[in-house]
Amino acid sequence: MEFKRIKVFLVEDEIIIREGIKKNINWQQEGFEFAGEASDGELAYPLIQNTKPDILVTDIKMPFMDGLELSRLVKKELPDIKILVLSGYNEFEYAKEAINIGITEYLLKPITGARLLETVKKMAKTIREEWQQKQFLLAYQKEQAENGQLARRKLFGRLVSGNYPVSTLLGEGREIGMELAANQYNIVLFQVFTEEEAKNYSDKLNQISVQMQNLAEKMEQVIMVDRGGLEGFAFLLKGTEEDSRGSIKKLMPEFLKKLEEIMSRYPDVEYFGGAGVTVERLSELKVCFAKASHAYAYRYLWEHNQIVTGEIKEKQKATNGELSLGGLNVKNLERNAVERFLATGLQDEVPDFVEGYFNSLGEQNIQSLLFRQYITMDAYITAAGAVEKLGYDSEVMVKECGDFKSMADIFTSVDETISYIKHVLSAAVHLRDAVSQKKYAQLLEDAKEYIRQNFKNYDISLNMVAASVNLSPNHFSTIFSQETGQTFVEYLTYVRMERAKELLRNSTMKTSDIAFAVGYHDAHYFSYLFKKTQECTPREYRSR
């Protein structure tokens, strides 16, 4: 197994000793990089800042800046550095202070080259073990982060479904670090619109996502769930009646203000949010989510850069109710809303969108038979056009929704008209999703091929693979897990383990070399994963 060379920096005021240490040890042959030297701490410090060595070898007593003062400064700058202090017999007090600073090793002069090399190698072994532990931890954190995100998404779906016992939900929440117990709840659904299409990769979206997650972590009563892709984000707000500071009434405006502050840093990025109604039971989150979803659906109808609450919505409805047929530009306004919905709307959002759509038209207008005929025809033609752009035959909407010209019954009442338009949009979204499934099938195959070609790269990540297929990491993670039944990390591990088994069967390579060949710099972590996934150690597998 290969590691980068460990860098050594030497500080010694006696030039004979310094030259002897530098030249009498073949540093490169011994696996080290001699990073630099200096005659005192004052000269050494800026060089150390620049070269960032792994091991500092320094004398204690030097002019201008001694070894202890240098060690203090370096430890603050590079806390992981290992320091080897060289000292004379009459410098015991210095030695005690060196221990307090956090010096790794202490050698008394005179020192032979062999003794020095032995000590430096011992320190190097410790450094490599620490590197291995860090790599193990990073790999574990990467796996846990993706699994945790998926678990949060699944739990949120269960919370708002209303189909699971409260005790089960509370237990599942604790298992993944989501404390759900509270006296009040509310939900905010939130989406960000970048200049790129919603499905595409966006660095800005990732930056905003990180900042929103940091906000949620700082506000203990807010839980953020990345729903992935077109569904955006969900925030679960928890409050208590006893503590006025923790009540939803106090928490909601404070949270929304901070959320809007984050978005104000990105003036070219639009957003829209929908808040639910406060409920007092976990089992009532289904009602809260329904209200939030209804408000959230107005993102296709109203201007962006606002978060809709119940109060705002009532005000908008009252204003819209005053519209007249003559003053309403349906062609320019409502058709755009239908087009936007058909591009990114979800099947579950069809009822809320259509009801919000009709509310925006005004009560006087929708009572007009002529107006309902116009609106229905416009929605039908828009849906048919969207479906044809996807590659469908022009007759497919006739088969799905009937011949519009012969369906006079749909105009007999407002409810009949609304029901029919829901059917039309639902059919169009269904056809759109069918095309998306085919597209995602190819996209996922491209992603898998990228993984198969690059799994040997230790640094391969979810972000890299997502970028290769032009999706945001969160959207890609959602699609990958939904369509394959595996997380990205699980699939990457599977590919690596299959290659490892091939090498164990058909080569005499050491386990450590195989670990490196399949993308792991830590042989111990590789062996752990192999046993976890194959239920035997690499040695046991080879012996079979």
Protein backbone atom coordinates (compact mmCIF):
# COMPACT_ATOMS: atom_id res chain seq x y z
CA MET A 1 0.00 0.00 0.00
CA GLU A 2 1.35 3.42 -0.98
CA PHE A 3 1.31 6.67 0.94
CA LYS A 4 2.68 10.10 0.17
CA ARG A 5 6.18 10.69 1.50
CA ILE A 6 6.44 12.09 5.01
CA LYS A 7 8.11 15.50 5.07
CA VAL A 8 10.86 16.27 7.60
CA PHE A 9 12.11 19.76 8.53
CA LEU A 10 15.33 20.29 10.51
CA VAL A 11 16.19 23.25 12.78
CA GLU A 12 19.69 23.18 14.32
CA ASP A 13 22.04 26.10 14.99
CA GLU A 14 25.26 24.05 14.88
CA ILE A 15 26.04 23.73 11.19
CA ILE A 16 28.20 20.59 11.59
CA ILE A 17 25.37 18.72 13.32
CA ARG A 18 22.81 20.05 10.84
CA GLU A 19 24.84 19.03 7.82
CA GLY A 20 25.54 15.64 9.38
CA ILE A 21 21.83 14.93 9.93
CA LYS A 22 20.96 16.19 6.48
CA LYS A 23 23.62 14.28 4.54
CA ASN A 24 24.31 11.11 6.58
CA ILE A 25 20.75 9.84 6.19
CA ASN A 26 19.43 8.95 2.75
CA TRP A 27 16.03 10.47 3.41
CA GLN A 28 14.48 9.64 0.06
CA GLN A 29 15.61 6.03 0.18
CA GLU A 30 14.17 5.69 3.67
CA GLY A 31 10.78 6.95 2.41
CA PHE A 32 11.02 10.57 3.57
CA GLU A 33 11.15 13.97 1.90
CA PHE A 34 13.69 16.38 3.41
CA ALA A 35 11.50 19.50 3.27
CA GLY A 36 14.00 22.12 4.49
CA GLU A 37 16.36 23.39 7.16
CA ALA A 38 17.13 26.51 9.23
CA SER A 39 19.64 27.61 11.86
CA ASP A 40 17.08 29.02 14.35
CA GLY A 41 13.38 29.20 15.05
CA GLU A 42 12.88 32.70 13.70
CA LEU A 43 14.18 31.70 10.26
CA ALA A 44 12.45 28.34 10.40
CA TYR A 45 8.90 29.46 11.22
CA PRO A 46 7.95 31.08 7.86
CA LEU A 47 9.55 28.16 6.00
CA ILE A 48 7.56 25.68 8.07
CA GLN A 49 4.36 27.62 7.35
CA ASN A 50 5.09 27.28 3.65
CA THR A 51 6.27 23.64 3.47
CA LYS A 52 3.92 22.22 6.16
CA PRO A 53 6.16 19.30 7.21
CA ASP A 54 4.84 16.22 9.02
CA ILE A 55 7.87 15.95 11.35
CA LEU A 56 9.89 18.80 12.87
CA VAL A 57 13.34 17.98 14.25
CA THR A 58 14.61 20.88 16.36
CA ASP A 59 17.30 21.70 18.87
CA ILE A 60 16.11 23.32 22.10
CA LYS A 61 18.75 25.98 22.73
CA MET A 62 19.19 28.28 19.73
CA PRO A 63 19.69 32.03 19.28
CA PHE A 64 16.87 34.45 18.32
CA MET A 65 14.08 31.90 18.83
CA ASP A 66 14.67 28.65 20.72
CA GLY A 67 13.10 25.27 19.97
CA LEU A 68 10.36 25.53 22.59
CA GLU A 69 9.04 28.87 21.37
CA LEU A 70 9.15 27.56 17.80
CA SER A 71 7.29 24.40 18.88
CA ARG A 72 4.52 26.44 20.49
CA LEU A 73 4.00 28.48 17.33
CA VAL A 74 4.14 25.46 15.02
CA LYS A 75 1.70 23.45 17.15
CA LYS A 76 -0.85 26.26 16.87
CA GLU A 77 -0.38 26.41 13.09
CA LEU A 78 -0.07 22.65 12.46
CA PRO A 79 -1.67 20.78 15.39
CA ASP A 80 -1.03 17.34 13.83
CA ILE A 81 2.71 17.86 13.34
CA LYS A 82 5.09 15.55 15.23
CA ILE A 83 8.03 17.28 16.94
CA LEU A 84 11.34 15.65 17.86
CA VAL A 85 13.40 17.77 20.27
CA LEU A 86 17.19 17.42 20.51
CA SER A 87 18.67 18.43 23.87
CA GLY A 88 21.82 18.36 25.94
CA TYR A 89 22.08 16.62 29.36
CA ASN A 90 21.93 19.91 31.30
CA GLU A 91 18.59 21.01 29.85
CA PHE A 92 16.15 18.94 31.93
CA GLU A 93 13.87 21.90 32.71
CA TYR A 94 13.52 22.50 28.99
CA ALA A 95 12.59 18.86 28.58
CA LYS A 96 9.74 19.12 31.10
CA GLU A 97 8.34 22.17 29.34
CA ALA A 98 8.65 20.38 25.99
CA ILE A 99 6.42 17.60 27.30
CA ASN A 100 3.77 20.16 28.31
CA ILE A 101 3.81 21.69 24.82
CA GLY A 102 3.06 18.32 23.25
CA ILE A 103 6.45 17.26 21.92
CA THR A 104 6.29 13.75 20.45
CA GLU A 105 9.86 12.55 21.08
CA TYR A 106 12.87 13.78 23.06
CA LEU A 107 16.47 12.73 22.34
CA LEU A 108 19.63 13.58 24.24
CA LYS A 109 22.79 14.66 22.43
CA PRO A 110 25.06 13.35 21.11
CA ILE A 111 22.83 11.45 18.69
CA THR A 112 23.89 8.89 16.11
CA GLY A 113 22.33 8.86 12.64
CA ALA A 114 20.94 5.36 13.28
CA ARG A 115 19.26 6.43 16.53
CA LEU A 116 17.77 9.50 14.91
CA LEU A 117 16.50 7.51 11.92
CA GLU A 118 14.98 4.88 14.23
CA THR A 119 13.10 7.57 16.17
CA VAL A 120 11.89 9.37 13.03
CA LYS A 121 10.67 6.06 11.57
CA LYS A 122 8.75 5.40 14.77
CA MET A 123 7.10 8.81 14.44
CA ALA A 124 6.38 8.14 10.77
CA LYS A 125 4.61 4.92 11.68
CA THR A 126 2.35 6.85 14.07
CA ILE A 127 1.63 9.43 11.38
CA ARG A 128 0.66 6.76 8.86
CA GLU A 129 -1.62 5.09 11.39
CA GLU A 130 -3.30 8.45 11.98
CA TRP A 131 -3.68 8.91 8.23
CA GLN A 132 -5.32 5.50 8.02
CA GLN A 133 -7.71 6.35 10.82
CA LYS A 134 -8.64 9.62 9.12
CA GLN A 135 -9.28 7.81 5.83
CA PHE A 136 -11.36 5.22 7.65
CA LEU A 137 -13.35 7.97 9.36
CA LEU A 138 -13.87 9.95 6.13
CA ALA A 139 -15.08 6.87 4.27
CA TYR A 140 -17.40 5.99 7.14
CA GLN A 141 -18.74 9.55 7.35
CA LYS A 142 -19.33 9.60 3.59
CA GLU A 143 -21.32 6.39 3.79
CA GLN A 144 -23.26 7.50 6.86
CA ALA A 145 -24.05 10.90 5.33
CA GLU A 146 -25.68 9.37 2.26
CA ASN A 147 -27.47 6.68 4.25
CA GLY A 148 -28.62 9.31 6.76
CA GLN A 149 -29.97 11.58 4.04
CA LEU A 150 -31.93 8.69 2.53
CA ALA A 151 -33.22 7.63 5.97
CA ARG A 152 -34.41 11.19 6.73
CA ARG A 153 -36.21 11.35 3.40
CA LYS A 154 -37.97 8.05 4.04
CA LEU A 155 -38.92 8.98 7.60
CA PHE A 156 -40.35 12.32 6.47
CA GLY A 157 -42.52 10.48 3.96
CA ARG A 158 -43.83 8.26 6.76
CA LEU A 159 -44.41 11.21 9.06
CA VAL A 160 -46.69 13.00 6.60
CA SER A 161 -48.46 9.85 5.38
CA GLY A 162 -50.40 9.38 8.62
CA ASN A 163 -50.07 5.60 8.29
CA TYR A 164 -47.57 4.78 11.04
CA PRO A 165 -47.89 4.62 14.86
CA VAL A 166 -46.40 7.58 16.71
CA SER A 167 -44.23 5.29 18.86
CA THR A 168 -42.70 3.79 15.71
CA LEU A 169 -41.97 7.20 14.23
CA LEU A 170 -40.38 8.48 17.44
CA GLY A 171 -38.15 5.39 17.64
CA GLU A 172 -37.07 5.62 14.00
CA GLY A 173 -36.32 9.31 14.46
CA ARG A 174 -34.01 8.68 17.43
CA GLU A 175 -32.14 6.01 15.46
CA ILE A 176 -31.13 8.53 12.80
CA GLY A 177 -30.67 11.54 15.09
CA MET A 178 -34.07 13.18 14.54
CA GLU A 179 -35.68 13.99 17.89
CA LEU A 180 -39.36 14.36 17.01
CA ALA A 181 -41.02 14.82 20.42
CA ALA A 182 -42.65 18.26 20.79
CA ASN A 183 -45.95 19.92 21.66
CA GLN A 184 -46.37 21.79 18.38
CA TYR A 185 -45.36 21.19 14.78
CA ASN A 186 -45.39 22.96 11.44
CA ILE A 187 -43.88 22.29 8.02
CA VAL A 188 -42.30 24.62 5.49
CA LEU A 189 -41.77 23.31 1.93
CA PHE A 190 -39.12 25.23 0.02
CA GLN A 191 -37.66 25.24 -3.48
CA VAL A 192 -34.77 27.11 -5.08
CA PHE A 193 -34.77 28.04 -8.76
CA THR A 194 -31.36 28.66 -10.34
CA GLU A 195 -30.61 29.95 -13.82
CA GLU A 196 -30.03 26.34 -14.89
CA GLU A 197 -32.93 23.96 -15.35
CA ALA A 198 -34.06 22.45 -12.06
CA LYS A 199 -32.77 19.02 -12.99
CA ASN A 200 -29.26 20.18 -13.77
CA TYR A 201 -26.19 20.41 -11.57
CA SER A 202 -25.80 23.76 -9.82
CA ASP A 203 -22.97 24.86 -7.55
CA LYS A 204 -25.15 27.67 -6.20
CA LEU A 205 -27.87 25.24 -5.22
CA ASN A 206 -25.30 23.17 -3.33
CA GLN A 207 -24.00 26.25 -1.52
CA ILE A 208 -27.52 27.28 -0.54
CA SER A 209 -28.30 23.74 0.60
CA VAL A 210 -25.25 23.70 2.89
CA GLN A 211 -26.15 27.09 4.38
CA MET A 212 -29.74 26.00 5.02
CA GLN A 213 -28.49 22.82 6.67
CA ASN A 214 -26.18 24.87 8.89
CA LEU A 215 -29.13 27.09 9.83
CA ALA A 216 -31.23 24.07 10.76
CA GLU A 217 -28.41 22.65 12.88
CA LYS A 218 -28.04 25.95 14.76
CA MET A 219 -31.78 26.14 15.40
CA GLU A 220 -32.34 22.98 17.44
CA GLN A 221 -36.11 23.13 16.88
CA VAL A 222 -35.77 22.91 13.09
CA ILE A 223 -35.15 19.69 11.16
CA MET A 224 -34.22 19.92 7.47
CA VAL A 225 -34.96 17.17 4.97
CA ASP A 226 -33.60 17.32 1.43
CA ARG A 227 -36.40 15.72 -0.57
CA GLY A 228 -34.24 15.65 -3.68
CA GLY A 229 -34.66 17.00 -7.19
CA LEU A 230 -37.92 18.65 -8.08
CA GLU A 231 -39.49 18.24 -4.63
CA GLY A 232 -37.07 20.68 -3.00
CA PHE A 233 -36.57 20.89 0.76
CA ALA A 234 -38.78 20.38 3.79
CA PHE A 235 -38.31 21.96 7.22
CA LEU A 236 -40.05 20.45 10.24
CA LEU A 237 -40.49 23.06 12.98
CA LYS A 238 -41.01 21.91 16.57
CA GLY A 239 -42.28 24.07 19.43
CA THR A 240 -43.45 23.86 23.03
CA GLU A 241 -46.42 25.60 24.63
CA GLU A 242 -44.68 26.05 28.00
CA ASP A 243 -41.69 27.92 26.58
CA SER A 244 -42.79 30.99 24.65
CA ARG A 245 -39.40 31.17 22.97
CA GLY A 246 -39.95 27.72 21.55
CA SER A 247 -43.53 28.11 20.35
CA ILE A 248 -44.22 27.88 16.65
CA LYS A 249 -45.73 31.35 16.77
CA LYS A 250 -42.32 32.74 17.78
CA LEU A 251 -40.20 30.22 15.90
CA MET A 252 -41.82 30.49 12.46
CA PRO A 253 -41.13 34.20 11.72
CA GLU A 254 -37.62 33.92 13.15
CA PHE A 255 -36.82 30.93 10.96
CA LEU A 256 -38.38 32.41 7.81
CA LYS A 257 -36.42 35.64 8.30
CA LYS A 258 -33.13 33.73 8.53
CA LEU A 259 -34.07 31.61 5.53
CA GLU A 260 -34.77 34.74 3.49
CA GLU A 261 -31.45 36.22 4.68
CA ILE A 262 -29.65 33.25 3.14
CA MET A 263 -31.47 33.75 -0.16
CA SER A 264 -30.69 37.49 -0.16
CA ARG A 265 -27.02 36.56 -0.66
CA TYR A 266 -27.95 35.13 -4.06
CA PRO A 267 -29.86 37.90 -5.89
CA ASP A 268 -29.92 35.97 -9.17
CA VAL A 269 -31.52 32.90 -7.55
CA GLU A 270 -35.28 32.72 -7.00
CA TYR A 271 -37.13 30.75 -4.34
CA PHE A 272 -40.63 29.90 -3.16
CA GLY A 273 -41.93 28.40 0.06
CA GLY A 274 -45.21 27.14 1.43
CA ALA A 275 -45.97 26.85 5.17
CA GLY A 276 -48.58 24.59 6.72
CA VAL A 277 -50.76 25.09 9.77
CA THR A 278 -49.56 24.50 13.32
CA VAL A 279 -50.67 21.16 14.78
CA GLU A 280 -50.24 19.79 18.28
CA ARG A 281 -49.77 16.09 17.55
CA LEU A 282 -47.23 14.17 15.51
CA SER A 283 -50.12 12.17 14.10
CA GLU A 284 -51.60 15.41 12.68
CA LEU A 285 -48.59 16.15 10.46
CA LYS A 286 -50.54 14.72 7.53
CA VAL A 287 -52.96 17.66 7.81
CA CYS A 288 -50.10 20.13 8.23
CA PHE A 289 -48.31 18.72 5.18
CA ALA A 290 -51.47 18.90 3.06
CA LYS A 291 -51.85 22.61 3.90
CA ALA A 292 -48.17 23.26 3.20
CA SER A 293 -48.39 21.40 -0.11
CA HIS A 294 -51.42 23.44 -1.13
CA ALA A 295 -49.57 26.69 -0.44
CA TYR A 296 -46.41 25.29 -2.08
CA ALA A 297 -48.32 24.57 -5.30
CA TYR A 298 -48.76 28.33 -5.78
CA ARG A 299 -45.12 28.50 -6.90
CA TYR A 300 -46.42 27.86 -10.42
CA LEU A 301 -48.96 30.69 -10.20
CA TRP A 302 -47.51 33.51 -8.15
CA GLU A 303 -44.33 35.52 -8.25
CA HIS A 304 -41.29 33.84 -6.73
CA ASN A 305 -39.18 35.08 -3.79
CA GLN A 306 -41.90 34.69 -1.18
CA ILE A 307 -42.91 32.17 1.44
CA VAL A 308 -46.66 31.66 1.46
CA THR A 309 -48.47 31.25 4.76
CA GLY A 310 -52.20 31.03 5.44
CA GLU A 311 -52.51 34.76 6.05
CA ILE A 312 -50.74 35.70 2.81
CA LYS A 313 -52.84 33.29 0.82
CA GLU A 314 -56.13 34.72 2.08
CA LYS A 315 -55.00 38.21 1.11
CA GLN A 316 -54.06 37.04 -2.39
CA LYS A 317 -57.38 35.25 -2.84
CA ALA A 318 -59.30 38.39 -1.92
CA THR A 319 -57.34 40.43 -4.45
CA ASN A 320 -57.70 37.85 -7.20
CA GLY A 321 -61.41 37.63 -6.58
CA GLU A 322 -61.84 41.16 -7.90
CA LEU A 323 -60.49 40.30 -11.34
CA SER A 324 -62.84 40.64 -14.30
CA LEU A 325 -62.87 38.69 -17.53
CA GLY A 326 -61.96 41.72 -19.58
CA GLY A 327 -58.98 42.59 -17.41
CA LEU A 328 -57.48 39.10 -17.25
CA ASN A 329 -54.75 38.22 -19.76
CA VAL A 330 -55.21 34.45 -19.64
CA LYS A 331 -53.04 33.72 -22.62
CA ASN A 332 -49.96 35.37 -21.19
CA LEU A 333 -50.41 34.51 -17.50
CA GLU A 334 -52.27 31.27 -16.88
CA ARG A 335 -50.91 29.32 -19.85
CA ASN A 336 -47.40 30.06 -18.57
CA ALA A 337 -48.42 28.69 -15.19
CA VAL A 338 -49.75 25.47 -16.75
CA GLU A 339 -46.61 25.14 -18.87
CA ARG A 340 -44.40 25.58 -15.81
CA PHE A 341 -46.37 22.99 -13.89
CA LEU A 342 -46.24 20.45 -16.72
CA ALA A 343 -42.46 20.91 -16.89
CA THR A 344 -41.67 20.22 -13.23
CA GLY A 345 -44.87 19.60 -11.28
CA LEU A 346 -45.43 16.35 -9.40
CA GLN A 347 -48.37 14.00 -9.78
CA ASP A 348 -49.42 14.52 -6.16
CA GLU A 349 -49.50 18.29 -6.72
CA VAL A 350 -52.06 18.24 -9.53
CA PRO A 351 -55.15 18.74 -7.28
CA ASP A 352 -53.58 21.61 -5.31
CA PHE A 353 -52.30 23.29 -8.46
CA VAL A 354 -55.62 23.16 -10.28
CA GLU A 355 -57.56 24.43 -7.27
CA GLY A 356 -55.04 27.25 -6.78
CA TYR A 357 -55.18 27.93 -10.50
CA PHE A 358 -58.95 28.38 -10.40
CA ASN A 359 -58.77 30.48 -7.23
CA SER A 360 -56.40 32.84 -9.03
CA LEU A 361 -58.93 33.36 -11.82
CA GLY A 362 -61.55 34.91 -9.55
CA GLU A 363 -65.02 33.75 -8.55
CA GLN A 364 -66.86 35.95 -11.06
CA ASN A 365 -64.85 34.68 -13.98
CA ILE A 366 -65.14 30.96 -13.29
CA GLN A 367 -68.92 31.22 -13.04
CA SER A 368 -68.97 32.17 -16.71
CA LEU A 369 -69.58 29.18 -19.00
CA LEU A 370 -67.71 30.84 -21.85
CA PHE A 371 -64.75 31.54 -19.60
CA ARG A 372 -64.61 27.91 -18.36
CA GLN A 373 -64.69 26.67 -21.94
CA TYR A 374 -61.78 28.93 -22.82
CA ILE A 375 -59.72 27.95 -19.79
CA THR A 376 -60.36 24.24 -20.33
CA MET A 377 -59.47 24.41 -24.02
CA ASP A 378 -56.32 26.37 -23.21
CA ALA A 379 -55.22 23.83 -20.57
CA TYR A 380 -55.98 20.94 -22.95
CA ILE A 381 -54.05 22.48 -25.85
CA THR A 382 -51.12 23.34 -23.57
CA ALA A 383 -51.01 19.79 -22.20
CA ALA A 384 -51.28 18.28 -25.67
CA GLY A 385 -48.46 20.50 -26.91
CA ALA A 386 -46.23 19.54 -23.97
CA VAL A 387 -46.87 15.86 -24.61
CA GLU A 388 -46.11 16.17 -28.33
CA LYS A 389 -42.77 17.86 -27.48
CA LEU A 390 -41.91 14.72 -25.54
CA GLY A 391 -42.25 12.67 -28.73
CA TYR A 392 -45.78 11.31 -28.32
CA ASP A 393 -48.28 11.06 -31.16
CA SER A 394 -50.86 13.87 -31.27
CA GLU A 395 -53.65 11.35 -30.66
CA VAL A 396 -52.32 10.18 -27.31
CA MET A 397 -54.17 12.90 -25.36
CA VAL A 398 -57.40 12.00 -27.13
CA LYS A 399 -56.98 8.42 -25.96
CA GLU A 400 -56.13 9.54 -22.42
CA CYS A 401 -58.72 12.32 -21.99
CA GLY A 402 -61.31 11.90 -24.73
CA ASP A 403 -62.17 14.23 -27.58
CA PHE A 404 -62.46 17.66 -26.03
CA LYS A 405 -64.86 18.93 -28.70
CA SER A 406 -67.53 16.35 -27.84
CA MET A 407 -67.38 16.67 -24.04
CA ALA A 408 -69.98 19.30 -23.25
CA ASP A 409 -70.72 17.73 -19.83
CA ILE A 410 -67.48 19.01 -18.38
CA PHE A 411 -68.83 22.57 -18.45
CA THR A 412 -72.08 21.89 -16.58
CA SER A 413 -70.53 23.06 -13.30
CA VAL A 414 -67.32 24.51 -11.92
CA ASP A 415 -66.57 21.23 -10.11
CA GLU A 416 -66.93 19.24 -13.34
CA THR A 417 -64.55 21.60 -15.14
CA ILE A 418 -61.99 21.44 -12.34
CA SER A 419 -62.21 17.65 -12.25
CA TYR A 420 -61.62 17.41 -16.00
CA ILE A 421 -58.62 19.75 -15.98
CA LYS A 422 -57.15 17.71 -13.14
CA HIS A 423 -57.56 14.63 -15.31
CA VAL A 424 -55.89 16.33 -18.29
CA LEU A 425 -52.88 17.55 -16.32
CA SER A 426 -52.55 14.27 -14.46
CA ALA A 427 -52.43 12.39 -17.76
CA ALA A 428 -49.81 14.76 -19.18
CA VAL A 429 -47.63 14.48 -16.06
CA HIS A 430 -47.95 10.68 -16.20
CA LEU A 431 -46.76 10.64 -19.82
CA ARG A 432 -43.94 13.06 -18.97
CA ASP A 433 -42.80 10.85 -16.08
CA ALA A 434 -42.81 7.79 -18.33
CA VAL A 435 -40.37 9.57 -20.66
CA SER A 436 -38.30 10.65 -17.65
CA GLN A 437 -38.05 7.06 -16.47
CA LYS A 438 -36.53 6.04 -19.80
CA LYS A 439 -34.22 9.00 -19.71
CA TYR A 440 -33.16 8.22 -16.14
CA ALA A 441 -32.53 4.59 -17.11
CA GLN A 442 -29.90 5.74 -19.61
CA LEU A 443 -28.59 8.36 -17.21
CA LEU A 444 -28.13 5.78 -14.46
CA GLU A 445 -26.40 3.42 -16.86
CA ASP A 446 -24.00 6.24 -17.77
CA ALA A 447 -23.40 6.89 -14.07
CA LYS A 448 -22.73 3.19 -13.42
CA GLU A 449 -20.31 3.10 -16.33
CA TYR A 450 -18.50 6.12 -14.90
CA ILE A 451 -18.22 4.31 -11.55
CA ARG A 452 -16.93 1.14 -13.24
CA GLN A 453 -14.28 3.17 -15.05
CA ASN A 454 -13.20 5.22 -12.01
CA PHE A 455 -13.75 3.04 -8.92
CA LYS A 456 -9.97 2.65 -8.50
CA ASN A 457 -9.77 6.38 -7.75
CA TYR A 458 -9.85 6.76 -3.98
CA ASP A 459 -11.28 10.27 -4.32
CA ILE A 460 -14.32 9.26 -6.40
CA SER A 461 -17.39 10.81 -4.81
CA LEU A 462 -21.12 11.25 -5.21
CA ASN A 463 -20.48 14.83 -6.40
CA MET A 464 -18.10 13.66 -9.13
CA VAL A 465 -20.48 11.02 -10.47
CA ALA A 466 -23.47 13.40 -10.31
CA ALA A 467 -21.50 16.03 -12.24
CA SER A 468 -20.61 13.43 -14.90
CA VAL A 469 -24.32 13.07 -15.73
CA ASN A 470 -25.11 16.77 -15.17
CA LEU A 471 -27.31 16.38 -12.09
CA SER A 472 -27.12 17.97 -8.67
CA PRO A 473 -25.72 15.54 -6.05
CA ASN A 474 -28.96 15.45 -4.07
CA HIS A 475 -31.14 14.85 -7.13
CA PHE A 476 -28.76 12.17 -8.37
CA SER A 477 -28.68 10.49 -4.96
CA THR A 478 -32.49 10.39 -4.86
CA ILE A 479 -32.85 8.97 -8.37
CA PHE A 480 -30.04 6.45 -7.91
CA SER A 481 -31.43 5.01 -4.69
CA GLN A 482 -35.03 4.99 -5.98
CA GLU A 483 -34.22 3.29 -9.27
CA THR A 484 -31.48 0.86 -8.18
CA GLY A 485 -32.49 0.09 -4.60
CA GLN A 486 -28.91 0.93 -3.52
CA THR A 487 -27.24 4.10 -2.36
CA PHE A 488 -24.29 5.41 -4.36
CA VAL A 489 -21.86 4.22 -1.66
CA GLU A 490 -23.43 0.74 -1.62
CA TYR A 491 -23.09 0.40 -5.39
CA LEU A 492 -19.51 1.73 -5.37
CA THR A 493 -18.65 -0.77 -2.62
CA TYR A 494 -20.27 -3.58 -4.65
CA VAL A 495 -18.19 -2.75 -7.75
CA ARG A 496 -15.00 -2.58 -5.70
CA MET A 497 -15.70 -5.85 -3.90
CA GLU A 498 -16.41 -7.66 -7.19
CA ARG A 499 -13.03 -6.53 -8.53
CA ALA A 500 -11.34 -7.46 -5.26
CA LYS A 501 -12.79 -10.98 -5.43
CA GLU A 502 -11.52 -11.30 -8.99
CA LEU A 503 -8.01 -10.33 -7.89
CA LEU A 504 -8.15 -12.68 -4.91
CA ARG A 505 -9.12 -15.56 -7.20
CA ASN A 506 -6.78 -14.88 -10.08
CA SER A 507 -3.65 -13.25 -8.64
CA THR A 508 -1.09 -13.55 -5.87
CA MET A 509 -1.34 -9.90 -4.88
CA LYS A 510 -1.20 -9.05 -1.18
CA THR A 511 -4.43 -7.95 0.47
CA SER A 512 -2.98 -4.49 1.05
CA ASP A 513 -2.10 -4.19 -2.65
CA ILE A 514 -5.58 -5.35 -3.67
CA ALA A 515 -7.10 -2.75 -1.33
CA PHE A 516 -5.11 -0.04 -3.09
CA ALA A 517 -5.98 -1.44 -6.53
CA VAL A 518 -9.72 -1.16 -5.88
CA GLY A 519 -9.67 2.33 -4.39
CA TYR A 520 -8.90 1.93 -0.68
CA HIS A 521 -5.80 3.43 0.90
CA ASP A 522 -6.52 1.69 4.19
CA ALA A 523 -6.11 -2.10 4.09
CA HIS A 524 -7.84 -2.45 7.47
CA TYR A 525 -10.91 -0.61 6.24
CA PHE A 526 -10.92 -2.71 3.06
CA SER A 527 -10.79 -5.93 5.11
CA TYR A 528 -13.58 -4.64 7.35
CA LEU A 529 -15.82 -3.85 4.37
CA PHE A 530 -14.97 -7.14 2.66
CA LYS A 531 -15.99 -9.16 5.69
CA LYS A 532 -19.10 -7.05 6.16
CA THR A 533 -20.28 -7.51 2.57
CA GLN A 534 -18.94 -11.02 1.77
CA GLU A 535 -19.25 -12.57 5.26
CA CYS A 536 -15.63 -13.75 5.24
CA THR A 537 -12.17 -12.20 5.30
CA PRO A 538 -10.14 -11.72 2.09
CA ARG A 539 -7.81 -14.52 3.24
CA GLU A 540 -10.72 -16.89 3.84
CA TYR A 541 -12.18 -16.03 0.44
CA ARG A 542 -8.87 -16.75 -1.28
CA SER A 543 -8.44 -20.08 0.54
CA ARG A 544 -11.78 -21.30 -0.82
